[in-house]
Structure formats: structure tokens, C-alpha cells
C-alpha atoms as a PDB file:
ATOM      1  CA  UNK A   1       8.085  -6.737  19.652  1.00  0.00           C
ATOM      2  CA  UNK A   2       5.560  -4.554  21.304  1.00  0.00           C
ATOM      3  CA  UNK A   3       3.582  -7.592  23.848  1.00  0.00           C
ATOM      4  CA  UNK A   4       0.719  -5.020  23.594  1.00  0.00           C
ATOM      5  CA  UNK A   5      -1.007  -6.612  20.557  1.00  0.00           C
ATOM      6  CA  UNK A   6      -0.938  -4.145  17.443  1.00  0.00           C
ATOM      7  CA  UNK A   7      -4.150  -2.217  15.421  1.00  0.00           C
ATOM      8  CA  UNK A   8      -3.979  -3.643  11.948  1.00  0.00           C
ATOM      9  CA  UNK A   9      -6.108  -1.300  10.118  1.00  0.00           C
ATOM     10  CA  UNK A  10      -6.711  -1.940   6.553  1.00  0.00           C
ATOM     11  CA  UNK A  11      -5.941  -6.297   7.970  1.00  0.00           C
ATOM     12  CA  UNK A  12      -7.746  -7.394   4.687  1.00  0.00           C
ATOM     13  CA  UNK A  13      -5.840  -5.403   2.141  1.00  0.00           C
ATOM     14  CA  UNK A  14      -2.677  -6.238   0.715  1.00  0.00           C
ATOM     15  CA  UNK A  15       0.581  -5.120   2.963  1.00  0.00           C
ATOM     16  CA  UNK A  16      -2.275  -5.277   5.715  1.00  0.00           C
ATOM     17  CA  UNK A  17      -3.643  -8.980   5.373  1.00  0.00           C
ATOM     18  CA  UNK A  18       0.240  -9.636   5.595  1.00  0.00           C
ATOM     19  CA  UNK A  19       1.527  -8.351   8.634  1.00  0.00           C
ATOM     20  CA  UNK A  20      -1.269  -9.817  10.558  1.00  0.00           C
ATOM     21  CA  UNK A  21      -0.118 -13.103   9.304  1.00  0.00           C
ATOM     22  CA  UNK A  22       3.437 -12.493  10.138  1.00  0.00           C
ATOM     23  CA  UNK A  23       2.194 -10.973  13.800  1.00  0.00           C
ATOM     24  CA  UNK A  24       0.683 -14.003  14.625  1.00  0.00           C
ATOM     25  CA  UNK A  25       2.525 -16.081  13.309  1.00  0.00           C
ATOM     26  CA  UNK A  26       5.411 -13.963  15.681  1.00  0.00           C
ATOM     27  CA  UNK A  27       3.286 -14.845  19.352  1.00  0.00           C
ATOM     28  CA  UNK A  28       1.940 -11.023  18.650  1.00  0.00           C
ATOM     29  CA  UNK A  29      -1.257 -10.050  20.035  1.00  0.00           C
ATOM     30  CA  UNK A  30      -3.490  -8.962  16.506  1.00  0.00           C
ATOM     31  CA  UNK A  31      -6.180  -5.928  16.428  1.00  0.00           C
ATOM     32  CA  UNK A  32      -7.812  -6.232  12.901  1.00  0.00           C
ATOM     33  CA  UNK A  33      -9.034  -3.070  11.308  1.00  0.00           C
ATOM     34  CA  UNK A  34     -11.734  -3.521   9.448  1.00  0.00           C
ATOM     35  CA  UNK A  35     -15.219  -4.033   9.339  1.00  0.00           C
ATOM     36  CA  UNK A  36     -15.744  -7.220   9.432  1.00  0.00           C
ATOM     37  CA  UNK A  37     -13.362  -7.942  12.047  1.00  0.00           C
ATOM     38  CA  UNK A  38     -14.687  -8.073  15.822  1.00  0.00           C
ATOM     39  CA  UNK A  39     -14.869  -5.556  17.409  1.00  0.00           C
ATOM     40  CA  UNK A  40     -15.298  -3.800  13.921  1.00  0.00           C
ATOM     41  CA  UNK A  41     -12.927  -1.301  12.683  1.00  0.00           C
ATOM     42  CA  UNK A  42     -14.418   1.203   9.937  1.00  0.00           C
ATOM     43  CA  UNK A  43     -12.245   5.028   9.052  1.00  0.00           C
ATOM     44  CA  UNK A  44     -15.664   6.668   8.370  1.00  0.00           C
ATOM     45  CA  UNK A  45     -17.257   5.721  12.071  1.00  0.00           C
ATOM     46  CA  UNK A  46     -14.847   6.856  14.557  1.00  0.00           C
ATOM     47  CA  UNK A  47     -17.353   5.160  17.430  1.00  0.00           C
ATOM     48  CA  UNK A  48     -15.294   1.956  16.014  1.00  0.00           C
ATOM     49  CA  UNK A  49     -11.916   3.393  16.735  1.00  0.00           C
ATOM     50  CA  UNK A  50     -11.684   3.261  20.661  1.00  0.00           C
ATOM     51  CA  UNK A  51     -12.607  -0.111  20.726  1.00  0.00           C
ATOM     52  CA  UNK A  52     -10.039  -0.857  18.368  1.00  0.00           C
ATOM     53  CA  UNK A  53      -7.683   0.682  20.367  1.00  0.00           C
ATOM     54  CA  UNK A  54      -8.119  -1.255  23.415  1.00  0.00           C
ATOM     55  CA  UNK A  55      -5.209  -2.765  24.970  1.00  0.00           C
ATOM     56  CA  UNK A  56      -3.330  -2.311  21.958  1.00  0.00           C
ATOM     57  CA  UNK A  57       0.157  -0.998  22.019  1.00  0.00           C
ATOM     58  CA  UNK A  58       0.753  -0.076  18.846  1.00  0.00           C
ATOM     59  CA  UNK A  59      -0.918   0.288  15.404  1.00  0.00           C
ATOM     60  CA  UNK A  60      -0.433  -0.695  10.996  1.00  0.00           C
ATOM     61  CA  UNK A  61      -2.193   3.402   9.465  1.00  0.00           C
ATOM     62  CA  UNK A  62      -3.357   2.267   6.106  1.00  0.00           C
ATOM     63  CA  UNK A  63      -5.840   4.229   4.562  1.00  0.00           C
ATOM     64  CA  UNK A  64      -8.448   3.442   1.686  1.00  0.00           C
ATOM     65  CA  UNK A  65      -8.750   4.576  -0.943  1.00  0.00           C
ATOM     66  CA  UNK A  66      -5.655   7.489  -0.443  1.00  0.00           C
ATOM     67  CA  UNK A  67      -4.649   9.201   1.665  1.00  0.00           C
ATOM     68  CA  UNK A  68      -4.869  12.221  -0.734  1.00  0.00           C
ATOM     69  CA  UNK A  69      -8.582  11.793  -0.364  1.00  0.00           C
ATOM     70  CA  UNK A  70     -10.730  14.718   0.673  1.00  0.00           C
ATOM     71  CA  UNK A  71      -9.946  14.542   4.399  1.00  0.00           C
ATOM     72  CA  UNK A  72      -8.101  11.811   4.827  1.00  0.00           C
ATOM     73  CA  UNK A  73      -4.859  13.212   6.436  1.00  0.00           C
ATOM     74  CA  UNK A  74      -6.697  14.733   8.945  1.00  0.00           C
ATOM     75  CA  UNK A  75      -8.823  11.508   9.812  1.00  0.00           C
ATOM     76  CA  UNK A  76      -5.963   9.775  10.128  1.00  0.00           C
ATOM     77  CA  UNK A  77      -3.913  12.125  12.563  1.00  0.00           C
ATOM     78  CA  UNK A  78      -6.981  11.798  14.366  1.00  0.00           C
ATOM     79  CA  UNK A  79      -6.813   8.022  14.825  1.00  0.00           C
ATOM     80  CA  UNK A  80      -3.662   8.682  15.522  1.00  0.00           C
ATOM     81  CA  UNK A  81      -3.587  11.752  18.415  1.00  0.00           C
ATOM     82  CA  UNK A  82      -6.259   9.208  20.289  1.00  0.00           C
ATOM     83  CA  UNK A  83      -3.394   6.035  19.560  1.00  0.00           C
ATOM     84  CA  UNK A  84      -0.799   7.821  21.396  1.00  0.00           C
ATOM     85  CA  UNK A  85      -3.592   9.259  23.910  1.00  0.00           C
ATOM     86  CA  UNK A  86      -4.046   5.248  24.477  1.00  0.00           C
ATOM     87  CA  UNK A  87      -0.525   4.135  25.071  1.00  0.00           C
ATOM     88  CA  UNK A  88      -0.434   3.277  21.326  1.00  0.00           C
ATOM     89  CA  UNK A  89       2.469   5.320  20.573  1.00  0.00           C
ATOM     90  CA  UNK A  90       4.307   2.985  18.171  1.00  0.00           C
ATOM     91  CA  UNK A  91       2.991   3.205  14.381  1.00  0.00           C
ATOM     92  CA  UNK A  92       3.686   2.665  11.041  1.00  0.00           C
ATOM     93  CA  UNK A  93       1.947   4.563   8.204  1.00  0.00           C
ATOM     94  CA  UNK A  94       1.696   3.667   4.910  1.00  0.00           C
ATOM     95  CA  UNK A  95       2.489   6.451   2.640  1.00  0.00           C
ATOM     96  CA  UNK A  96       2.653   7.950  -0.886  1.00  0.00           C
ATOM     97  CA  UNK A  97       5.589   8.187  -2.381  1.00  0.00           C
ATOM     98  CA  UNK A  98       5.695  11.822  -4.282  1.00  0.00           C
ATOM     99  CA  UNK A  99       2.694  13.028  -3.288  1.00  0.00           C
ATOM    100  CA  UNK A 100       1.432  15.589  -1.942  1.00  0.00           C
ATOM    101  CA  UNK A 101      -1.556  14.904   0.390  1.00  0.00           C
ATOM    102  CA  UNK A 102       0.583  11.586   2.116  1.00  0.00           C
ATOM    103  CA  UNK A 103       3.278  14.092   2.505  1.00  0.00           C
ATOM    104  CA  UNK A 104       0.775  16.156   4.928  1.00  0.00           C
ATOM    105  CA  UNK A 105      -0.661  13.767   6.875  1.00  0.00           C
ATOM    106  CA  UNK A 106       2.461  12.493   7.632  1.00  0.00           C
ATOM    107  CA  UNK A 107       3.371  15.940   8.629  1.00  0.00           C
ATOM    108  CA  UNK A 108       0.337  15.766  11.083  1.00  0.00           C
ATOM    109  CA  UNK A 109       0.788  12.470  12.668  1.00  0.00           C
ATOM    110  CA  UNK A 110       4.439  13.027  13.642  1.00  0.00           C
ATOM    111  CA  UNK A 111       2.279  15.801  15.624  1.00  0.00           C
ATOM    112  CA  UNK A 112       0.657  13.658  17.477  1.00  0.00           C
ATOM    113  CA  UNK A 113       3.918  12.781  19.138  1.00  0.00           C
ATOM    114  CA  UNK A 114       3.943   9.359  17.960  1.00  0.00           C
ATOM    115  CA  UNK A 115       6.879   6.746  17.505  1.00  0.00           C
ATOM    116  CA  UNK A 116       6.402   7.466  13.930  1.00  0.00           C
ATOM    117  CA  UNK A 117       7.553   5.092  11.316  1.00  0.00           C
ATOM    118  CA  UNK A 118       6.887   6.112   7.314  1.00  0.00           C
ATOM    119  CA  UNK A 119       7.446   3.968   4.607  1.00  0.00           C
ATOM    120  CA  UNK A 120       6.343   5.688   0.876  1.00  0.00           C
ATOM    121  CA  UNK A 121       5.326   3.844  -1.310  1.00  0.00           C
ATOM    122  CA  UNK A 122       4.325   4.037  -4.922  1.00  0.00           C
ATOM    123  CA  UNK A 123       2.760   1.540  -7.219  1.00  0.00           C
ATOM    124  CA  UNK A 124       2.527  -2.377  -5.310  1.00  0.00           C
ATOM    125  CA  UNK A 125       3.384  -5.068  -8.013  1.00  0.00           C
ATOM    126  CA  UNK A 126       0.651  -7.218  -6.341  1.00  0.00           C
ATOM    127  CA  UNK A 127      -2.308  -5.044  -8.241  1.00  0.00           C
ATOM    128  CA  UNK A 128      -1.221  -6.925 -11.048  1.00  0.00           C
ATOM    129  CA  UNK A 129      -2.282 -10.188  -9.806  1.00  0.00           C
ATOM    130  CA  UNK A 130      -4.626  -9.125  -5.994  1.00  0.00           C
ATOM    131  CA  UNK A 131      -5.941  -5.197  -7.044  1.00  0.00           C
ATOM    132  CA  UNK A 132      -7.621  -3.678  -9.442  1.00  0.00           C
ATOM    133  CA  UNK A 133      -4.942  -4.822 -12.924  1.00  0.00           C
ATOM    134  CA  UNK A 134      -5.883  -8.086 -12.086  1.00  0.00           C
ATOM    135  CA  UNK A 135      -8.670  -8.181 -14.572  1.00  0.00           C
ATOM    136  CA  UNK A 136      -6.872  -5.865 -17.001  1.00  0.00           C
ATOM    137  CA  UNK A 137      -4.531  -8.434 -17.200  1.00  0.00           C
ATOM    138  CA  UNK A 138      -6.867 -11.576 -17.506  1.00  0.00           C
ATOM    139  CA  UNK A 139      -8.327  -9.821 -20.303  1.00  0.00           C
ATOM    140  CA  UNK A 140      -5.122  -9.879 -22.361  1.00  0.00           C
ATOM    141  CA  UNK A 141      -5.147  -5.689 -22.124  1.00  0.00           C
ATOM    142  CA  UNK A 142      -4.075  -3.108 -19.586  1.00  0.00           C
ATOM    143  CA  UNK A 143      -5.647   0.280 -20.102  1.00  0.00           C
ATOM    144  CA  UNK A 144      -4.003   3.076 -18.103  1.00  0.00           C
ATOM    145  CA  UNK A 145      -3.463   7.013 -18.954  1.00  0.00           C
ATOM    146  CA  UNK A 146       0.431   5.814 -18.387  1.00  0.00           C
ATOM    147  CA  UNK A 147       2.167   6.823 -21.211  1.00  0.00           C
ATOM    148  CA  UNK A 148       5.342   5.072 -21.716  1.00  0.00           C
ATOM    149  CA  UNK A 149       6.884   6.712 -18.077  1.00  0.00           C
ATOM    150  CA  UNK A 150       8.745   3.897 -15.739  1.00  0.00           C
ATOM    151  CA  UNK A 151       7.288   3.137 -12.950  1.00  0.00           C
ATOM    152  CA  UNK A 152       9.640   1.303  -9.961  1.00  0.00           C
ATOM    153  CA  UNK A 153       7.007  -0.989  -8.976  1.00  0.00           C
ATOM    154  CA  UNK A 154       7.854  -2.110  -4.880  1.00  0.00           C
ATOM    155  CA  UNK A 155       6.809  -5.920  -3.499  1.00  0.00           C
ATOM    156  CA  UNK A 156       4.554  -5.837  -1.129  1.00  0.00           C
ATOM    157  CA  UNK A 157       6.557  -7.840   0.847  1.00  0.00           C
ATOM    158  CA  UNK A 158       8.662  -5.464   1.057  1.00  0.00           C
ATOM    159  CA  UNK A 159       6.712  -3.111   2.616  1.00  0.00           C
ATOM    160  CA  UNK A 160       6.077  -5.345   4.677  1.00  0.00           C
ATOM    161  CA  UNK A 161       9.415  -6.710   6.060  1.00  0.00           C
ATOM    162  CA  UNK A 162       9.774  -2.576   7.164  1.00  0.00           C
ATOM    163  CA  UNK A 163       7.215  -2.811   9.131  1.00  0.00           C
ATOM    164  CA  UNK A 164       7.667  -5.703  10.963  1.00  0.00           C
ATOM    165  CA  UNK A 165      11.021  -4.476  12.038  1.00  0.00           C
ATOM    166  CA  UNK A 166      10.003  -1.199  12.797  1.00  0.00           C
ATOM    167  CA  UNK A 167       7.387  -2.810  15.378  1.00  0.00           C
ATOM    168  CA  UNK A 168      10.251  -3.965  16.653  1.00  0.00           C
ATOM    169  CA  UNK A 169      13.579  -1.690  16.364  1.00  0.00           C
ATOM    170  CA  UNK A 170      13.937   0.946  17.681  1.00  0.00           C
ATOM    171  CA  UNK A 171      16.432   2.883  15.165  1.00  0.00           C
ATOM    172  CA  UNK A 172      12.916   2.648  12.740  1.00  0.00           C
ATOM    173  CA  UNK A 173      11.469   5.659  14.676  1.00  0.00           C
ATOM    174  CA  UNK A 174      11.591   8.319  13.456  1.00  0.00           C
ATOM    175  CA  UNK A 175      12.614   7.393   9.681  1.00  0.00           C
ATOM    176  CA  UNK A 176      10.656   8.258   6.496  1.00  0.00           C
ATOM    177  CA  UNK A 177      11.471   5.072   4.465  1.00  0.00           C
ATOM    178  CA  UNK A 178      11.522   6.112   0.308  1.00  0.00           C
ATOM    179  CA  UNK A 179      10.552   2.194  -0.859  1.00  0.00           C
ATOM    180  CA  UNK A 180      10.633   0.973  -4.590  1.00  0.00           C
ATOM    181  CA  UNK A 181      12.164  -1.756  -6.772  1.00  0.00           C
ATOM    182  CA  UNK A 182      15.353  -1.938  -8.180  1.00  0.00           C
ATOM    183  CA  UNK A 183      14.667  -0.967 -11.072  1.00  0.00           C
ATOM    184  CA  UNK A 184      12.047   1.555 -13.405  1.00  0.00           C
ATOM    185  CA  UNK A 185       9.629  -0.934 -15.721  1.00  0.00           C
ATOM    186  CA  UNK A 186       7.208   0.817 -18.024  1.00  0.00           C
ATOM    187  CA  UNK A 187       3.231  -0.628 -17.649  1.00  0.00           C
ATOM    188  CA  UNK A 188       4.071  -2.175 -21.532  1.00  0.00           C
ATOM    189  CA  UNK A 189       7.610  -3.436 -20.242  1.00  0.00           C
ATOM    190  CA  UNK A 190       5.685  -4.749 -16.869  1.00  0.00           C
ATOM    191  CA  UNK A 191       2.630  -6.308 -19.419  1.00  0.00           C
ATOM    192  CA  UNK A 192       5.558  -7.770 -21.878  1.00  0.00           C
ATOM    193  CA  UNK A 193       6.989  -9.596 -18.470  1.00  0.00           C
ATOM    194  CA  UNK A 194       3.629 -10.657 -17.234  1.00  0.00           C
ATOM    195  CA  UNK A 195       3.259 -12.441 -21.143  1.00  0.00           C
ATOM    196  CA  UNK A 196       6.584 -14.370 -20.968  1.00  0.00           C
ATOM    197  CA  UNK A 197       5.621 -15.951 -17.789  1.00  0.00           C
ATOM    198  CA  UNK A 198       2.862 -17.312 -18.328  1.00  0.00           C
ATOM    199  CA  UNK A 199       2.779 -17.823 -22.454  1.00  0.00           C
ATOM    200  CA  UNK A 200      -0.300 -15.429 -22.497  1.00  0.00           C
ATOM    201  CA  UNK A 201      -0.915 -12.343 -24.523  1.00  0.00           C
ATOM    202  CA  UNK A 202      -1.149  -9.095 -22.326  1.00  0.00           C
ATOM    203  CA  UNK A 203      -0.929  -5.945 -23.973  1.00  0.00           C
ATOM    204  CA  UNK A 204      -0.462  -2.420 -22.258  1.00  0.00           C
ATOM    205  CA  UNK A 205      -2.391   0.525 -24.963  1.00  0.00           C
ATOM    206  CA  UNK A 206      -2.360   3.800 -23.022  1.00  0.00           C
ATOM    207  CA  UNK A 207      -5.614   6.087 -22.571  1.00  0.00           C
ATOM    208  CA  UNK A 208      -7.355   9.072 -21.690  1.00  0.00           C
ATOM    209  CA  UNK A 209      -7.809   9.479 -18.033  1.00  0.00           C
ATOM    210  CA  UNK A 210     -12.412   9.377 -18.783  1.00  0.00           C
ATOM    211  CA  UNK A 211     -11.208   6.367 -20.823  1.00  0.00           C
ATOM    212  CA  UNK A 212      -9.375   4.717 -17.658  1.00  0.00           C
ATOM    213  CA  UNK A 213     -12.350   5.363 -15.674  1.00  0.00           C
ATOM    214  CA  UNK A 214     -14.841   4.116 -17.864  1.00  0.00           C
ATOM    215  CA  UNK A 215     -12.533   0.440 -18.218  1.00  0.00           C
ATOM    216  CA  UNK A 216     -12.610   0.812 -14.434  1.00  0.00           C
ATOM    217  CA  UNK A 217     -16.445   1.238 -13.639  1.00  0.00           C
ATOM    218  CA  UNK A 218     -17.223  -1.976 -16.469  1.00  0.00           C
ATOM    219  CA  UNK A 219     -14.540  -3.618 -14.103  1.00  0.00           C
ATOM    220  CA  UNK A 220     -16.939  -3.170 -11.131  1.00  0.00           C
ATOM    221  CA  UNK A 221     -14.542  -0.759  -9.964  1.00  0.00           C
ATOM    222  CA  UNK A 222     -17.623   1.673  -7.263  1.00  0.00           C
ATOM    223  CA  UNK A 223     -17.802   4.961  -8.805  1.00  0.00           C
ATOM    224  CA  UNK A 224     -15.849   6.761  -6.120  1.00  0.00           C
ATOM    225  CA  UNK A 225     -13.193   4.791  -5.839  1.00  0.00           C
ATOM    226  CA  UNK A 226     -12.648   5.313  -9.797  1.00  0.00           C
ATOM    227  CA  UNK A 227     -12.012   8.789  -9.360  1.00  0.00           C
ATOM    228  CA  UNK A 228      -9.975   9.219  -6.694  1.00  0.00           C
ATOM    229  CA  UNK A 229      -8.142   6.437  -9.093  1.00  0.00           C
ATOM    230  CA  UNK A 230      -8.591   9.196 -12.090  1.00  0.00           C
ATOM    231  CA  UNK A 231      -6.987  11.799  -9.850  1.00  0.00           C
ATOM    232  CA  UNK A 232      -4.289   9.620  -8.203  1.00  0.00           C
ATOM    233  CA  UNK A 233      -3.124   8.560 -11.779  1.00  0.00           C
ATOM    234  CA  UNK A 234      -2.563  12.148 -12.963  1.00  0.00           C
ATOM    235  CA  UNK A 235      -0.991  13.042 -10.095  1.00  0.00           C
ATOM    236  CA  UNK A 236       1.506  10.306  -9.653  1.00  0.00           C
ATOM    237  CA  UNK A 237       2.190   9.246 -13.615  1.00  0.00           C
ATOM    238  CA  UNK A 238       3.278  12.691 -14.910  1.00  0.00           C
ATOM    239  CA  UNK A 239       6.919  10.775 -14.616  1.00  0.00           C
ATOM    240  CA  UNK A 240       8.026  12.447 -11.234  1.00  0.00           C
ATOM    241  CA  UNK A 241       7.760   9.768  -9.594  1.00  0.00           C
ATOM    242  CA  UNK A 242      10.549   7.978 -12.382  1.00  0.00           C
ATOM    243  CA  UNK A 243      13.325   7.445  -9.715  1.00  0.00           C
ATOM    244  CA  UNK A 244      14.471   4.287  -8.141  1.00  0.00           C
ATOM    245  CA  UNK A 245      14.411   5.206  -3.806  1.00  0.00           C
ATOM    246  CA  UNK A 246      16.907   3.382  -1.405  1.00  0.00           C
ATOM    247  CA  UNK A 247      13.971   2.763   1.588  1.00  0.00           C
ATOM    248  CA  UNK A 248      14.657  -1.011   1.538  1.00  0.00           C
ATOM    249  CA  UNK A 249      18.397  -0.894   1.382  1.00  0.00           C
ATOM    250  CA  UNK A 250      18.402   1.650   4.491  1.00  0.00           C
ATOM    251  CA  UNK A 251      15.600  -0.687   6.259  1.00  0.00           C
ATOM    252  CA  UNK A 252      16.328  -3.224   6.203  1.00  0.00           C
ATOM    253  CA  UNK A 253      20.218  -3.931   4.713  1.00  0.00           C
ATOM    254  CA  UNK A 254      19.047  -5.530   2.073  1.00  0.00           C
ATOM    255  CA  UNK A 255      18.729  -5.164  -1.974  1.00  0.00           C
ATOM    256  CA  UNK A 256      14.646  -4.858  -2.989  1.00  0.00           C
ATOM    257  CA  UNK A 257      12.935  -7.638  -4.615  1.00  0.00           C
ATOM    258  CA  UNK A 258      12.457  -7.359  -8.783  1.00  0.00           C
ATOM    259  CA  UNK A 259       9.589  -7.035 -10.573  1.00  0.00           C
ATOM    260  CA  UNK A 260      10.588 -10.648 -12.463  1.00  0.00           C
ATOM    261  CA  UNK A 261      11.056 -12.777  -9.445  1.00  0.00           C
ATOM    262  CA  UNK A 262       7.012 -10.767  -8.599  1.00  0.00           C
ATOM    263  CA  UNK A 263       5.904 -12.324 -11.614  1.00  0.00           C
ATOM    264  CA  UNK A 264       7.954 -15.777 -11.563  1.00  0.00           C
ATOM    265  CA  UNK A 265       5.705 -16.220  -8.211  1.00  0.00           C
ATOM    266  CA  UNK A 266       2.558 -14.904  -8.662  1.00  0.00           C
ATOM    267  CA  UNK A 267       2.463 -16.854 -12.339  1.00  0.00           C
ATOM    268  CA  UNK A 268       3.263 -20.157 -10.483  1.00  0.00           C
ATOM    269  CA  UNK A 269       0.318 -19.378  -7.990  1.00  0.00           C
ATOM    270  CA  UNK A 270      -2.045 -20.220 -11.558  1.00  0.00           C
ATOM    271  CA  UNK A 271      -4.047 -15.976  -9.951  1.00  0.00           C
ATOM    272  CA  UNK A 272      -3.124 -15.620 -14.574  1.00  0.00           C
ATOM    273  CA  UNK A 273      -4.838 -18.791 -15.577  1.00  0.00           C
ATOM    274  CA  UNK A 274      -6.778 -18.155 -18.546  1.00  0.00           C
END
């Protein structure tokens, strides 16, 4: 593990928050990459980058809202180039599974000369308990334009385990890990498993893209982010990601966490209580 510290972008997000906690528990200095941090970091404010990178030896890169957003690939690559120039050569990039824009970002970041590890992930299991699907679960109806497509939901904890390993073990340099859970699950099946674990009636309803956007807006999602999500839904929920990857097995020499275990753990926290 680097002694120089790690910049964690998205430090308040699902993966960044956990990585920050793990690094601190391991005694590694952490520079939180968020607008609220001191010093602050913002992808849209390049004036914050230099200070955020000062004195760190590695960085975790996750771009909000998504690497497929216009200009995202170039922005992340520019930060990677600056990181390498300032001595933070070891980079871990959270990328998108089956997203052409994300793969383009990977290529640009790799061109920076960084010691790079890429983690390609699709839908997080934790979206149901920490993200934009929490309110729909609480309301009893998950609405998405996903049809009956199977999704290999991945546990965020598996992503964090790989990131932590990548910061400390050279064998992960140059690797791109396709991370998934151990089985394909439709959103209707996911809703049924949550229902069984909570004793509440949670259902899935397939909707059109415009209707899904309206639902997101009513849930308080900003319009720009809602638009990005609808574009992303159309790209990744067409069935081309409906297969299992072996990234967790290759990186960690174990099987990925299953959705059923995630649901039991999340239900035990009370996050889905009415």
C-alpha cells in the first residue's frame, strides 16, 4: 500500500465512501475528492485538481454522473495526466460495463502512462438501498425501461475489495476486470427477493423512457442527471450486458457476492422499513 496517500474522487459516493473508510482503517492518508472536502475537489473545476493531487501517490477515479457523459472521457484523462505528472502513477478507474464511452475513457487514461487498473461494473446492488432506486423500493414500485432483461448486479463491496487490492499489489497493474455478481437477475426478480426479505410488497413495472424520466424527476433527481440516466438505461438495458464476467474471481481468487446475501444484509439495517 502506498505511504504517500490516495486521492479518492467521489469520496461521498457508494464506492468512494467505502474506499475512504478502508484506507483510513489501514492507516493510509486519504485526500477526499469532493466539493465539501478541505481542500475541495470538483471534476468541473480544474483549479481544484492541483491541490487535491499534492502529495498523493495514487488515485481512485470515478466520474459523476457517468463516463458516457459528454466530455467525461477527456476530463478524466486530463486529470490522469496531471496525476502522473505529479507523481501519482497508480490509478484505479471505475469504468462502465458495455459502455462504448467508458471504454474510450479507459483508452485515454491508459495513454497517460499511469499504472492503471480498470474495474468495469454495471448495476450496483446498492442502488436499491442507497441510490435512486431506494425511494421506488420504499413506495412499493420500481419503474424502469428494462423489460425482462437479466442484469448481473454487482456488490459494491466486491468493487471496493478489488480497488484496495489494486493499490497494494502490482499484479493488478494493466488489468481490466469485468465485475458482476454470480447470476443474472431481472428487475422483477430483484423486487421479489426484496419483498421476501422485508415482508413488504415491492414490484417492478416496465415503463417507457419518458415515463421513467418523469418518475426520476418526481423522486427529486435533477433534470440533467435524469436525462443522463435515461440515455444510460437505453444503452445498457438492451440485453447486451446479460452475461456473467469473471473479474471478481480473477482479481480476488473468490466468487462474487450474491444478490440474496446483499438483500439480507440491507434488510437487516432497516433501510427498507416502511
